[in-house]
Amino acid sequence: MSSRQSPPSAYALLERIGPYLTAVVAFVLFATLFGFQELLVVVWFLLALIPLYLLYRFVLAFERIADAAQRFATVRERESASAPDDRP
């Protein structure tokens, strides 16, 4: 993924993996009803991935904001260096 390309949104991911996710949830519910409680541990680990994905998106957004602020500061610095000093 390039630095200019946006990571997939949650909606795009859900649209892509939605049918598979539905099948897995249905299987887990079916298996849990018949006494396979060990699968609940697997479900817990899968649900733990959601905050990790959100953390990844937050860090990525924070990096982009910092990069934009740095570019803005560089442009302002160049403008102030090239402009004549009009202050009284």
Protein backbone atom coordinates (compact mmCIF):
# COMPACT_ATOMS: atom_id res chain seq x y z
CA MET A 1 0.00 0.00 0.00
CA SER A 2 1.42 3.36 -0.97
CA SER A 3 1.44 6.32 1.38
CA ARG A 4 -1.20 8.07 -0.74
CA GLN A 5 -3.59 5.11 -0.86
CA SER A 6 -6.22 4.94 1.85
CA PRO A 7 -6.66 1.66 3.74
CA PRO A 8 -9.98 -0.06 3.23
CA SER A 9 -12.85 1.37 5.23
CA ALA A 10 -14.79 -0.75 7.68
CA TYR A 11 -17.77 -0.71 5.29
CA ALA A 12 -15.64 -1.94 2.38
CA LEU A 13 -14.20 -4.71 4.54
CA LEU A 14 -17.64 -5.70 5.77
CA GLU A 15 -18.98 -5.70 2.23
CA ARG A 16 -16.14 -7.95 1.11
CA ILE A 17 -16.16 -10.40 4.02
CA GLY A 18 -19.79 -10.03 5.14
CA PRO A 19 -21.09 -13.33 3.76
CA TYR A 20 -18.14 -15.24 5.22
CA LEU A 21 -18.54 -13.49 8.55
CA THR A 22 -22.24 -14.37 8.63
CA ALA A 23 -21.47 -18.02 7.94
CA VAL A 24 -18.83 -18.12 10.69
CA VAL A 25 -21.16 -16.48 13.23
CA ALA A 26 -23.95 -18.91 12.34
CA PHE A 27 -21.57 -21.85 12.72
CA VAL A 28 -20.29 -20.61 16.07
CA LEU A 29 -23.82 -20.11 17.39
CA PHE A 30 -24.82 -23.57 16.18
CA ALA A 31 -21.73 -25.18 17.70
CA THR A 32 -22.18 -23.32 20.98
CA LEU A 33 -25.76 -24.53 21.29
CA PHE A 34 -24.50 -28.10 21.10
CA GLY A 35 -21.92 -27.76 23.85
CA PHE A 36 -18.71 -26.64 22.18
CA GLN A 37 -17.89 -23.86 24.59
CA GLU A 38 -14.23 -23.95 23.54
CA LEU A 39 -15.27 -22.06 20.42
CA LEU A 40 -16.23 -19.11 22.58
CA VAL A 41 -12.53 -18.59 23.31
CA VAL A 42 -11.88 -18.39 19.58
CA VAL A 43 -14.72 -15.89 19.20
CA TRP A 44 -13.27 -13.81 22.02
CA PHE A 45 -9.91 -13.65 20.25
CA LEU A 46 -11.59 -12.69 16.99
CA LEU A 47 -13.51 -9.91 18.73
CA ALA A 48 -10.23 -8.70 20.24
CA LEU A 49 -9.03 -7.96 16.69
CA ILE A 50 -11.62 -5.17 16.26
CA PRO A 51 -9.93 -2.74 18.70
CA LEU A 52 -6.58 -3.55 17.09
CA TYR A 53 -7.96 -2.56 13.70
CA LEU A 54 -9.40 0.65 15.15
CA LEU A 55 -6.06 1.42 16.78
CA TYR A 56 -4.34 0.91 13.43
CA ARG A 57 -6.76 3.34 11.77
CA PHE A 58 -6.22 5.92 14.55
CA VAL A 59 -2.44 5.73 14.26
CA LEU A 60 -2.65 6.02 10.48
CA ALA A 61 -4.91 9.08 10.74
CA PHE A 62 -2.63 10.64 13.35
CA GLU A 63 0.40 10.13 11.08
CA ARG A 64 -1.41 11.75 8.17
CA ILE A 65 -2.41 14.75 10.28
CA ALA A 66 1.18 15.13 11.49
CA ASP A 67 2.48 14.88 7.93
CA ALA A 68 0.01 17.52 6.73
CA ALA A 69 0.96 19.84 9.60
CA GLN A 70 4.64 19.43 8.73
CA ARG A 71 3.98 20.25 5.06
CA PHE A 72 1.91 23.27 6.10
CA ALA A 73 4.70 24.51 8.39
CA THR A 74 7.27 24.06 5.61
CA VAL A 75 5.18 26.10 3.17
CA ARG A 76 4.64 28.85 5.74
CA GLU A 77 8.37 28.94 6.49
CA ARG A 78 9.21 29.23 2.78
CA GLU A 79 6.64 32.00 2.31
CA SER A 80 7.94 33.96 5.29
CA ALA A 81 11.54 33.61 4.09
CA SER A 82 10.79 34.77 0.55
CA ALA A 83 8.35 37.58 1.45
CA PRO A 84 9.72 41.03 2.27
CA ASP A 85 9.47 42.08 5.88
CA ASP A 86 6.47 44.48 5.98
CA ARG A 87 6.31 44.75 9.73
CA PRO A 88 6.58 48.27 11.25
